[in-house]
């Protein structure tokens, strides 16, 4: 199996043409003709992840976040990019193109939360319903605290920060990672609560003033779920290739309670 064949499959499930203009998804390090025997999946490429790939004999790392988003002028010794090139390990990033896809990270969030499936995006990119985030209708109302606790359990969060609108919730929006642009869109779409990865402080003030329950469940925690899902897809598609989630695909932050 070659990197080109792996890339083509990823392009089938989440076309790279659908990535945002500021994204850098695709083959970042390597050659399409290179043969692959083992793949490591991670959220972020760190030096620890690269070292793990070397130790486990992985030829390819597939990450959610691109290692670089814009042209670079130097590759220093401690940069993970330097470690990848030095170790002859290839890298593919599959980021916003899978964020907007059906079965992508937002749909995985709904599944983890035990919420109904949805084909309604918060920020649609086409008429089919693809886009950033999802909106669902609940069968019975829940409180902000109950939804925050459900989020903490679903994503294995260390902490969950939220603004409580004080109103019962029936319409819920979800979006992974950085979601500042989606807060107003979720409110305009009729959401009574919005569960996301992270937003800036001013979005909490906006939510409070506009009666929206806003739940921040962590950038890492709402997107790390991508790893196991993609590993399962690759295992089902390709025989004879080892695929696993990197043990070092972890939240690098510590917390004081």
Protein backbone atom coordinates (compact mmCIF):
# COMPACT_ATOMS: atom_id res chain seq x y z
CA UNK A 1 0.00 0.00 0.00
CA UNK A 2 1.25 3.49 -0.82
CA UNK A 3 0.70 6.92 0.68
CA UNK A 4 -1.08 7.85 -2.54
CA UNK A 5 -3.66 5.10 -1.99
CA UNK A 6 -4.20 6.18 1.62
CA UNK A 7 -4.52 9.80 0.48
CA UNK A 8 -7.08 8.89 -2.18
CA UNK A 9 -9.22 7.08 0.38
CA UNK A 10 -9.11 10.07 2.73
CA UNK A 11 -10.07 12.27 -0.21
CA UNK A 12 -13.11 10.03 -0.78
CA UNK A 13 -14.42 10.26 2.78
CA UNK A 14 -13.55 13.96 3.21
CA UNK A 15 -12.56 15.71 -0.05
CA UNK A 16 -9.53 17.92 0.48
CA UNK A 17 -11.07 20.50 -1.87
CA UNK A 18 -13.59 21.29 0.89
CA UNK A 19 -10.98 22.52 3.36
CA UNK A 20 -11.14 26.17 4.35
CA UNK A 21 -9.01 28.71 2.53
CA UNK A 22 -6.72 29.16 5.54
CA UNK A 23 -6.21 25.43 6.09
CA UNK A 24 -3.27 23.27 5.00
CA UNK A 25 -4.74 19.76 4.85
CA UNK A 26 -3.25 17.14 2.56
CA UNK A 27 0.20 15.58 2.20
CA UNK A 28 2.57 17.82 4.14
CA UNK A 29 5.67 15.61 4.35
CA UNK A 30 6.46 12.68 2.08
CA UNK A 31 5.90 11.21 -1.36
CA UNK A 32 2.74 9.63 -2.78
CA UNK A 33 4.74 6.62 -4.01
CA UNK A 34 6.15 5.74 -0.59
CA UNK A 35 4.98 2.36 0.73
CA UNK A 36 3.18 2.21 4.08
CA UNK A 37 3.15 -0.62 6.62
CA UNK A 38 2.06 1.21 9.77
CA UNK A 39 0.02 4.36 10.41
CA UNK A 40 -0.17 6.41 13.61
CA UNK A 41 -3.20 8.68 14.12
CA UNK A 42 -3.03 11.81 16.31
CA UNK A 43 -4.70 15.13 16.90
CA UNK A 44 -1.45 17.12 16.96
CA UNK A 45 2.04 16.26 15.74
CA UNK A 46 4.47 16.76 18.62
CA UNK A 47 8.03 15.57 19.14
CA UNK A 48 6.67 12.87 21.45
CA UNK A 49 4.33 11.63 18.73
CA UNK A 50 7.18 11.53 16.21
CA UNK A 51 9.39 9.64 18.68
CA UNK A 52 6.56 7.18 19.24
CA UNK A 53 6.21 6.70 15.48
CA UNK A 54 9.95 6.00 15.21
CA UNK A 55 9.82 3.51 18.08
CA UNK A 56 6.83 1.68 16.65
CA UNK A 57 8.10 1.67 13.08
CA UNK A 58 5.30 3.83 11.67
CA UNK A 59 5.84 5.10 8.14
CA UNK A 60 2.97 7.61 8.15
CA UNK A 61 1.32 9.92 10.66
CA UNK A 62 -2.19 11.17 9.95
CA UNK A 63 -3.05 14.20 12.08
CA UNK A 64 -6.13 16.35 12.42
CA UNK A 65 -4.23 19.60 12.83
CA UNK A 66 -1.71 20.53 10.11
CA UNK A 67 1.80 21.02 11.43
CA UNK A 68 1.98 24.35 9.60
CA UNK A 69 -0.63 26.68 8.16
CA UNK A 70 1.54 29.20 6.32
CA UNK A 71 4.92 29.35 4.60
CA UNK A 72 7.86 28.89 6.97
CA UNK A 73 11.33 30.41 6.74
CA UNK A 74 13.27 27.92 8.86
CA UNK A 75 13.09 24.42 10.31
CA UNK A 76 14.80 24.38 13.70
CA UNK A 77 16.14 21.34 15.55
CA UNK A 78 13.32 21.15 18.06
CA UNK A 79 10.53 21.52 15.50
CA UNK A 80 8.45 18.36 15.01
CA UNK A 81 8.74 19.02 11.27
CA UNK A 82 12.51 18.62 11.56
CA UNK A 83 12.02 15.35 13.44
CA UNK A 84 9.64 14.04 10.76
CA UNK A 85 12.01 14.77 7.91
CA UNK A 86 15.04 13.45 9.80
CA UNK A 87 13.17 10.22 10.65
CA UNK A 88 11.77 9.80 7.12
CA UNK A 89 8.18 9.71 8.38
CA UNK A 90 5.41 11.07 6.17
CA UNK A 91 2.55 13.29 7.33
CA UNK A 92 -0.99 13.80 6.07
CA UNK A 93 -3.33 16.31 7.73
CA UNK A 94 -7.10 15.93 7.43
CA UNK A 95 -8.59 18.95 9.16
CA UNK A 96 -11.41 21.26 8.11
CA UNK A 97 -12.33 18.98 5.21
CA UNK A 98 -13.42 16.31 7.71
CA UNK A 99 -14.88 18.92 10.07
CA UNK A 100 -17.52 19.80 7.46
CA UNK A 101 -18.18 16.30 6.16
CA UNK A 102 -21.11 14.03 7.06
CA UNK A 103 -19.72 11.56 9.57
CA UNK A 104 -17.09 14.13 10.54
CA UNK A 105 -16.10 15.44 13.94
CA UNK A 106 -19.40 17.22 14.69
CA UNK A 107 -21.34 14.03 13.99
CA UNK A 108 -18.90 12.14 16.20
CA UNK A 109 -19.63 14.67 18.95
CA UNK A 110 -23.35 13.95 18.68
CA UNK A 111 -22.69 10.22 18.91
CA UNK A 112 -20.49 10.63 22.01
CA UNK A 113 -23.17 12.80 23.63
CA UNK A 114 -25.87 10.26 22.84
CA UNK A 115 -27.79 12.87 20.84
CA UNK A 116 -29.80 12.24 17.65
CA UNK A 117 -28.14 12.35 14.23
CA UNK A 118 -28.52 15.54 12.23
CA UNK A 119 -27.97 16.80 8.69
CA UNK A 120 -28.40 20.45 9.66
CA UNK A 121 -25.16 22.45 9.86
CA UNK A 122 -24.64 25.60 11.90
CA UNK A 123 -22.42 27.10 9.20
CA UNK A 124 -23.32 25.29 5.95
CA UNK A 125 -20.93 25.20 3.00
CA UNK A 126 -23.30 23.68 0.45
CA UNK A 127 -26.95 22.88 -0.16
CA UNK A 128 -26.53 19.24 0.85
CA UNK A 129 -26.09 20.17 4.49
CA UNK A 130 -22.32 19.84 4.79
CA UNK A 131 -20.76 22.44 7.03
CA UNK A 132 -19.38 23.33 10.42
CA UNK A 133 -21.31 22.12 13.42
CA UNK A 134 -24.65 20.35 13.78
CA UNK A 135 -28.06 21.27 15.23
CA UNK A 136 -30.34 18.74 16.91
CA UNK A 137 -33.74 18.77 18.56
CA UNK A 138 -34.13 16.92 21.87
CA UNK A 139 -37.23 14.92 22.80
CA UNK A 140 -37.38 16.45 26.26
CA UNK A 141 -35.83 19.60 27.77
CA UNK A 142 -32.58 19.53 29.75
CA UNK A 143 -30.86 22.08 31.96
CA UNK A 144 -27.55 23.77 31.20
CA UNK A 145 -25.88 21.97 34.12
CA UNK A 146 -27.12 18.56 32.96
CA UNK A 147 -25.85 19.25 29.43
CA UNK A 148 -22.48 20.44 30.78
CA UNK A 149 -22.15 17.30 32.91
CA UNK A 150 -23.08 15.15 29.91
CA UNK A 151 -20.37 16.90 27.89
CA UNK A 152 -17.75 16.30 30.58
CA UNK A 153 -18.54 12.60 30.64
CA UNK A 154 -18.84 12.21 26.86
CA UNK A 155 -15.50 13.80 26.02
CA UNK A 156 -13.53 12.86 29.12
CA UNK A 157 -12.96 16.53 29.91
CA UNK A 158 -10.85 17.69 32.82
CA UNK A 159 -13.08 20.74 33.24
CA UNK A 160 -16.11 22.18 31.48
CA UNK A 161 -16.85 25.90 31.51
CA UNK A 162 -20.34 27.17 30.71
CA UNK A 163 -22.80 30.04 30.79
CA UNK A 164 -26.29 29.09 31.93
CA UNK A 165 -29.14 30.87 30.18
CA UNK A 166 -31.47 29.75 32.96
CA UNK A 167 -33.90 28.33 30.41
CA UNK A 168 -34.82 24.71 29.56
CA UNK A 169 -33.01 23.47 26.46
CA UNK A 170 -34.52 21.61 23.51
CA UNK A 171 -32.41 22.79 20.55
CA UNK A 172 -28.69 22.08 20.80
CA UNK A 173 -25.80 23.03 18.53
CA UNK A 174 -22.39 21.35 18.61
CA UNK A 175 -19.07 22.21 16.99
CA UNK A 176 -15.55 20.99 17.75
CA UNK A 177 -12.36 22.94 18.32
CA UNK A 178 -12.23 26.72 17.90
CA UNK A 179 -15.82 27.85 17.42
CA UNK A 180 -15.94 31.60 17.92
CA UNK A 181 -17.61 32.24 14.55
CA UNK A 182 -20.31 29.66 15.27
CA UNK A 183 -21.70 31.18 18.47
CA UNK A 184 -23.80 33.87 16.79
CA UNK A 185 -24.68 31.49 13.95
CA UNK A 186 -25.95 28.93 16.46
CA UNK A 187 -28.11 31.55 18.15
CA UNK A 188 -29.47 32.80 14.84
CA UNK A 189 -30.28 29.21 13.85
CA UNK A 190 -32.47 28.83 16.92
CA UNK A 191 -30.10 26.97 19.23
CA UNK A 192 -30.84 27.32 22.94
CA UNK A 193 -27.48 25.75 23.84
CA UNK A 194 -24.17 25.48 22.01
CA UNK A 195 -21.50 22.92 22.93
CA UNK A 196 -18.06 23.65 21.50
CA UNK A 197 -14.36 23.16 21.96
CA UNK A 198 -13.24 26.67 22.83
CA UNK A 199 -14.22 30.30 22.41
CA UNK A 200 -12.81 33.64 23.53
CA UNK A 201 -14.05 35.32 26.69
CA UNK A 202 -16.20 37.84 24.84
CA UNK A 203 -18.34 35.00 23.41
CA UNK A 204 -19.37 34.05 26.96
CA UNK A 205 -20.48 37.65 27.53
CA UNK A 206 -22.37 37.57 24.23
CA UNK A 207 -24.07 34.30 25.21
CA UNK A 208 -25.06 35.66 28.61
CA UNK A 209 -26.55 38.84 27.12
CA UNK A 210 -28.46 36.95 24.43
CA UNK A 211 -29.84 34.10 26.51
CA UNK A 212 -27.74 31.30 25.02
CA UNK A 213 -26.33 28.46 27.11
CA UNK A 214 -22.70 28.20 25.99
CA UNK A 215 -20.63 25.16 26.96
CA UNK A 216 -16.87 25.04 26.39
CA UNK A 217 -15.73 21.41 26.58
CA UNK A 218 -12.12 21.86 25.43
CA UNK A 219 -10.45 22.06 22.03
CA UNK A 220 -8.50 18.85 22.58
CA UNK A 221 -11.35 16.88 24.10
CA UNK A 222 -13.92 17.67 21.41
CA UNK A 223 -11.50 16.76 18.61
CA UNK A 224 -9.44 13.88 20.00
CA UNK A 225 -12.45 11.65 19.25
CA UNK A 226 -11.40 11.96 15.60
CA UNK A 227 -8.44 9.61 16.13
CA UNK A 228 -10.24 6.39 17.06
CA UNK A 229 -12.91 6.95 14.43
CA UNK A 230 -10.40 7.38 11.62
CA UNK A 231 -8.32 4.44 12.84
CA UNK A 232 -11.40 2.21 12.67
CA UNK A 233 -12.21 3.39 9.14
CA UNK A 234 -8.69 2.73 7.90
CA UNK A 235 -8.59 -0.73 9.48
CA UNK A 236 -11.86 -1.62 7.76
CA UNK A 237 -10.65 -0.33 4.40
CA UNK A 238 -7.09 -1.64 4.24
CA UNK A 239 -5.88 -5.14 5.09
CA UNK A 240 -2.28 -5.72 5.99
CA UNK A 241 -1.60 -2.25 7.40
CA UNK A 242 -1.27 -1.59 11.12
CA UNK A 243 -3.23 1.44 12.30
CA UNK A 244 -3.41 2.80 15.83
CA UNK A 245 -3.97 5.98 17.76
CA UNK A 246 -0.78 7.51 19.12
CA UNK A 247 -0.37 7.05 22.86
CA UNK A 248 1.10 10.57 22.95
CA UNK A 249 -1.96 12.17 21.33
CA UNK A 250 -2.81 13.79 24.63
CA UNK A 251 -3.89 17.05 26.20
CA UNK A 252 -0.55 18.69 26.97
CA UNK A 253 -2.07 20.99 29.62
CA UNK A 254 -2.24 20.38 33.36
CA UNK A 255 -5.02 21.87 35.47
CA UNK A 256 -5.39 23.27 38.98
CA UNK A 257 -8.78 22.57 40.56
